[in-house]
């Protein structure tokens, strides 16, 4: 999932530099959603609610 976040951030940066604000915004929003999911899963693992074995 971290790989997808990095890909979306690179796409957002490239689109922004090339003058595609809608594409850059969509990619950045996708990255933000994935970052939120990763943080929530991380907190659940830390608190012991979700056990990954």
PDB file of N, CA and C in Angstrom:
ATOM      1  N   UNK A   1       0.834  -1.191   0.000  1.00  0.00           N
ATOM      2  CA  UNK A   1       0.000   0.000   0.000  1.00  0.00           C
ATOM      3  C   UNK A   1       0.878   1.253   0.000  1.00  0.00           C
ATOM      4  N   UNK A   2       2.024   1.149   0.662  1.00  0.00           N
ATOM      5  CA  UNK A   2       2.940   2.290   0.669  1.00  0.00           C
ATOM      6  C   UNK A   2       3.413   2.586  -0.750  1.00  0.00           C
ATOM      7  N   UNK A   3       3.574   1.519  -1.535  1.00  0.00           N
ATOM      8  CA  UNK A   3       3.992   1.690  -2.929  1.00  0.00           C
ATOM      9  C   UNK A   3       2.967   2.518  -3.695  1.00  0.00           C
ATOM     10  N   UNK A   4       1.679   2.238  -3.484  1.00  0.00           N
ATOM     11  CA  UNK A   4       0.620   2.999  -4.168  1.00  0.00           C
ATOM     12  C   UNK A   4       0.605   4.456  -3.723  1.00  0.00           C
ATOM     13  N   UNK A   5       0.859   4.694  -2.451  1.00  0.00           N
ATOM     14  CA  UNK A   5       0.896   6.072  -1.948  1.00  0.00           C
ATOM     15  C   UNK A   5       2.017   6.844  -2.645  1.00  0.00           C
ATOM     16  N   UNK A   6       3.192   6.234  -2.728  1.00  0.00           N
ATOM     17  CA  UNK A   6       4.310   6.907  -3.383  1.00  0.00           C
ATOM     18  C   UNK A   6       4.038   7.149  -4.867  1.00  0.00           C
ATOM     19  N   UNK A   7       3.420   6.174  -5.536  1.00  0.00           N
ATOM     20  CA  UNK A   7       3.090   6.343  -6.948  1.00  0.00           C
ATOM     21  C   UNK A   7       2.117   7.512  -7.127  1.00  0.00           C
ATOM     22  N   UNK A   8       1.096   7.572  -6.283  1.00  0.00           N
ATOM     23  CA  UNK A   8       0.121   8.658  -6.398  1.00  0.00           C
ATOM     24  C   UNK A   8       0.747  10.016  -6.108  1.00  0.00           C
ATOM     25  N   UNK A   9       1.667  10.071  -5.157  1.00  0.00           N
ATOM     26  CA  UNK A   9       2.334  11.337  -4.858  1.00  0.00           C
ATOM     27  C   UNK A   9       3.217  11.791  -6.019  1.00  0.00           C
ATOM     28  N   UNK A  10       3.887  10.852  -6.670  1.00  0.00           N
ATOM     29  CA  UNK A  10       4.711  11.198  -7.827  1.00  0.00           C
ATOM     30  C   UNK A  10       3.829  11.675  -8.979  1.00  0.00           C
ATOM     31  N   UNK A  11       2.705  10.987  -9.195  1.00  0.00           N
ATOM     32  CA  UNK A  11       1.778  11.402 -10.257  1.00  0.00           C
ATOM     33  C   UNK A  11       1.239  12.796  -9.965  1.00  0.00           C
ATOM     34  N   UNK A  12       0.897  13.061  -8.700  1.00  0.00           N
ATOM     35  CA  UNK A  12       0.378  14.384  -8.334  1.00  0.00           C
ATOM     36  C   UNK A  12       1.429  15.468  -8.574  1.00  0.00           C
ATOM     37  N   UNK A  13       2.669  15.186  -8.212  1.00  0.00           N
ATOM     38  CA  UNK A  13       3.733  16.178  -8.409  1.00  0.00           C
ATOM     39  C   UNK A  13       3.978  16.429  -9.894  1.00  0.00           C
ATOM     40  N   UNK A  14       4.026  15.360 -10.673  1.00  0.00           N
ATOM     41  CA  UNK A  14       4.278  15.518 -12.108  1.00  0.00           C
ATOM     42  C   UNK A  14       3.121  16.243 -12.785  1.00  0.00           C
ATOM     43  N   UNK A  15       1.893  15.891 -12.431  1.00  0.00           N
ATOM     44  CA  UNK A  15       0.734  16.547 -13.029  1.00  0.00           C
ATOM     45  C   UNK A  15       0.694  18.028 -12.656  1.00  0.00           C
ATOM     46  N   UNK A  16       1.071  18.330 -11.446  1.00  0.00           N
ATOM     47  CA  UNK A  16       1.094  19.729 -11.013  1.00  0.00           C
ATOM     48  C   UNK A  16       2.133  20.527 -11.801  1.00  0.00           C
ATOM     49  N   UNK A  17       3.299  19.932 -12.007  1.00  0.00           N
ATOM     50  CA  UNK A  17       4.346  20.625 -12.756  1.00  0.00           C
ATOM     51  C   UNK A  17       3.984  20.801 -14.228  1.00  0.00           C
ATOM     52  N   UNK A  18       3.218  19.855 -14.760  1.00  0.00           N
ATOM     53  CA  UNK A  18       2.845  19.923 -16.172  1.00  0.00           C
ATOM     54  C   UNK A  18       1.572  20.719 -16.420  1.00  0.00           C
ATOM     55  N   UNK A  19       0.920  21.174 -15.353  1.00  0.00           N
ATOM     56  CA  UNK A  19      -0.244  22.034 -15.512  1.00  0.00           C
ATOM     57  C   UNK A  19      -1.568  21.302 -15.604  1.00  0.00           C
ATOM     58  N   UNK A  20      -1.693  20.193 -14.928  1.00  0.00           N
ATOM     59  CA  UNK A  20      -2.954  19.446 -14.879  1.00  0.00           C
ATOM     60  C   UNK A  20      -3.487  19.459 -13.446  1.00  0.00           C
ATOM     61  N   UNK A  21      -4.146  20.543 -13.041  1.00  0.00           N
ATOM     62  CA  UNK A  21      -4.538  20.669 -11.631  1.00  0.00           C
ATOM     63  C   UNK A  21      -5.582  19.641 -11.184  1.00  0.00           C
ATOM     64  N   UNK A  22      -6.502  19.260 -12.066  1.00  0.00           N
ATOM     65  CA  UNK A  22      -7.523  18.289 -11.662  1.00  0.00           C
ATOM     66  C   UNK A  22      -6.913  16.917 -11.430  1.00  0.00           C
ATOM     67  N   UNK A  23      -6.013  16.512 -12.308  1.00  0.00           N
ATOM     68  CA  UNK A  23      -5.339  15.224 -12.147  1.00  0.00           C
ATOM     69  C   UNK A  23      -4.470  15.237 -10.897  1.00  0.00           C
ATOM     70  N   UNK A  24      -3.791  16.351 -10.667  1.00  0.00           N
ATOM     71  CA  UNK A  24      -2.950  16.466  -9.481  1.00  0.00           C
ATOM     72  C   UNK A  24      -3.801  16.393  -8.211  1.00  0.00           C
ATOM     73  N   UNK A  25      -4.940  17.051  -8.222  1.00  0.00           N
ATOM     74  CA  UNK A  25      -5.821  17.015  -7.062  1.00  0.00           C
ATOM     75  C   UNK A  25      -6.393  15.631  -6.810  1.00  0.00           C
ATOM     76  N   UNK A  26      -6.761  14.945  -7.883  1.00  0.00           N
ATOM     77  CA  UNK A  26      -7.304  13.593  -7.733  1.00  0.00           C
ATOM     78  C   UNK A  26      -6.250  12.641  -7.193  1.00  0.00           C
ATOM     79  N   UNK A  27      -5.033  12.730  -7.703  1.00  0.00           N
ATOM     80  CA  UNK A  27      -3.961  11.853  -7.225  1.00  0.00           C
ATOM     81  C   UNK A  27      -3.611  12.163  -5.773  1.00  0.00           C
ATOM     82  N   UNK A  28      -3.583  13.441  -5.422  1.00  0.00           N
ATOM     83  CA  UNK A  28      -3.279  13.813  -4.043  1.00  0.00           C
ATOM     84  C   UNK A  28      -4.377  13.354  -3.097  1.00  0.00           C
ATOM     85  N   UNK A  29      -5.625  13.451  -3.524  1.00  0.00           N
ATOM     86  CA  UNK A  29      -6.732  12.982  -2.694  1.00  0.00           C
ATOM     87  C   UNK A  29      -6.662  11.472  -2.489  1.00  0.00           C
ATOM     88  N   UNK A  30      -6.340  10.743  -3.555  1.00  0.00           N
ATOM     89  CA  UNK A  30      -6.175   9.300  -3.424  1.00  0.00           C
ATOM     90  C   UNK A  30      -5.062   8.946  -2.459  1.00  0.00           C
ATOM     91  N   UNK A  31      -3.957   9.671  -2.529  1.00  0.00           N
ATOM     92  CA  UNK A  31      -2.850   9.434  -1.605  1.00  0.00           C
ATOM     93  C   UNK A  31      -3.258   9.737  -0.168  1.00  0.00           C
ATOM     94  N   UNK A  32      -4.027  10.802   0.036  1.00  0.00           N
ATOM     95  CA  UNK A  32      -4.487  11.149   1.384  1.00  0.00           C
ATOM     96  C   UNK A  32      -5.388  10.066   1.957  1.00  0.00           C
ATOM     97  N   UNK A  33      -6.262   9.522   1.142  1.00  0.00           N
ATOM     98  CA  UNK A  33      -7.164   8.461   1.600  1.00  0.00           C
ATOM     99  C   UNK A  33      -6.361   7.233   1.996  1.00  0.00           C
ATOM    100  N   UNK A  34      -5.397   6.853   1.158  1.00  0.00           N
ATOM    101  CA  UNK A  34      -4.580   5.685   1.482  1.00  0.00           C
ATOM    102  C   UNK A  34      -3.732   5.914   2.727  1.00  0.00           C
ATOM    103  N   UNK A  35      -3.218   7.117   2.909  1.00  0.00           N
ATOM    104  CA  UNK A  35      -2.442   7.428   4.115  1.00  0.00           C
ATOM    105  C   UNK A  35      -3.328   7.307   5.353  1.00  0.00           C
ATOM    106  N   UNK A  36      -4.561   7.776   5.258  1.00  0.00           N
ATOM    107  CA  UNK A  36      -5.483   7.667   6.394  1.00  0.00           C
ATOM    108  C   UNK A  36      -5.767   6.205   6.720  1.00  0.00           C
ATOM    109  N   UNK A  37      -5.960   5.376   5.699  1.00  0.00           N
ATOM    110  CA  UNK A  37      -6.218   3.952   5.929  1.00  0.00           C
ATOM    111  C   UNK A  37      -5.012   3.298   6.598  1.00  0.00           C
ATOM    112  N   UNK A  38      -3.809   3.612   6.114  1.00  0.00           N
ATOM    113  CA  UNK A  38      -2.595   3.040   6.698  1.00  0.00           C
ATOM    114  C   UNK A  38      -2.450   3.466   8.152  1.00  0.00           C
ATOM    115  N   UNK A  39      -2.715   4.727   8.451  1.00  0.00           N
ATOM    116  CA  UNK A  39      -2.589   5.201   9.837  1.00  0.00           C
ATOM    117  C   UNK A  39      -3.608   4.535  10.758  1.00  0.00           C
ATOM    118  N   UNK A  40      -4.827   4.362  10.287  1.00  0.00           N
ATOM    119  CA  UNK A  40      -5.847   3.700  11.097  1.00  0.00           C
ATOM    120  C   UNK A  40      -5.462   2.257  11.362  1.00  0.00           C
ATOM    121  N   UNK A  41      -5.012   1.548  10.335  1.00  0.00           N
ATOM    122  CA  UNK A  41      -4.578   0.165  10.530  1.00  0.00           C
ATOM    123  C   UNK A  41      -3.382   0.089  11.477  1.00  0.00           C
ATOM    124  N   UNK A  42      -2.451   1.020  11.347  1.00  0.00           N
ATOM    125  CA  UNK A  42      -1.292   1.054  12.235  1.00  0.00           C
ATOM    126  C   UNK A  42      -1.714   1.252  13.683  1.00  0.00           C
ATOM    127  N   UNK A  43      -2.632   2.176  13.923  1.00  0.00           N
ATOM    128  CA  UNK A  43      -3.102   2.404  15.290  1.00  0.00           C
ATOM    129  C   UNK A  43      -3.834   1.193  15.849  1.00  0.00           C
ATOM    130  N   UNK A  44      -4.620   0.506  15.014  1.00  0.00           N
ATOM    131  CA  UNK A  44      -5.306  -0.692  15.470  1.00  0.00           C
ATOM    132  C   UNK A  44      -4.320  -1.796  15.831  1.00  0.00           C
ATOM    133  N   UNK A  45      -3.257  -1.915  15.073  1.00  0.00           N
ATOM    134  CA  UNK A  45      -2.234  -2.915  15.379  1.00  0.00           C
ATOM    135  C   UNK A  45      -1.519  -2.543  16.673  1.00  0.00           C
ATOM    136  N   UNK A  46      -1.185  -1.274  16.839  1.00  0.00           N
ATOM    137  CA  UNK A  46      -0.496  -0.824  18.042  1.00  0.00           C
ATOM    138  C   UNK A  46      -1.350  -1.063  19.286  1.00  0.00           C
ATOM    139  N   UNK A  47      -2.624  -0.777  19.184  1.00  0.00           N
ATOM    140  CA  UNK A  47      -3.515  -0.948  20.340  1.00  0.00           C
ATOM    141  C   UNK A  47      -3.910  -2.400  20.568  1.00  0.00           C
ATOM    142  N   UNK A  48      -3.558  -3.273  19.651  1.00  0.00           N
ATOM    143  CA  UNK A  48      -3.833  -4.690  19.836  1.00  0.00           C
ATOM    144  C   UNK A  48      -5.241  -5.109  19.454  1.00  0.00           C
ATOM    145  N   UNK A  49      -5.981  -4.231  18.822  1.00  0.00           N
ATOM    146  CA  UNK A  49      -7.339  -4.568  18.409  1.00  0.00           C
ATOM    147  C   UNK A  49      -7.290  -5.516  17.221  1.00  0.00           C
ATOM    148  N   UNK A  50      -6.331  -5.304  16.336  1.00  0.00           N
ATOM    149  CA  UNK A  50      -6.187  -6.107  15.129  1.00  0.00           C
ATOM    150  C   UNK A  50      -4.849  -6.833  15.216  1.00  0.00           C
ATOM    151  N   UNK A  51      -4.896  -8.159  15.218  1.00  0.00           N
ATOM    152  CA  UNK A  51      -3.656  -8.933  15.321  1.00  0.00           C
ATOM    153  C   UNK A  51      -3.280  -9.452  13.941  1.00  0.00           C
ATOM    154  N   UNK A  52      -2.123  -9.049  13.469  1.00  0.00           N
ATOM    155  CA  UNK A  52      -1.625  -9.531  12.185  1.00  0.00           C
ATOM    156  C   UNK A  52      -0.612 -10.628  12.485  1.00  0.00           C
ATOM    157  N   UNK A  53      -0.916 -11.837  11.998  1.00  0.00           N
ATOM    158  CA  UNK A  53       0.004 -12.947  12.266  1.00  0.00           C
ATOM    159  C   UNK A  53       0.552 -13.518  10.980  1.00  0.00           C
TER     160      UNK A  53
END
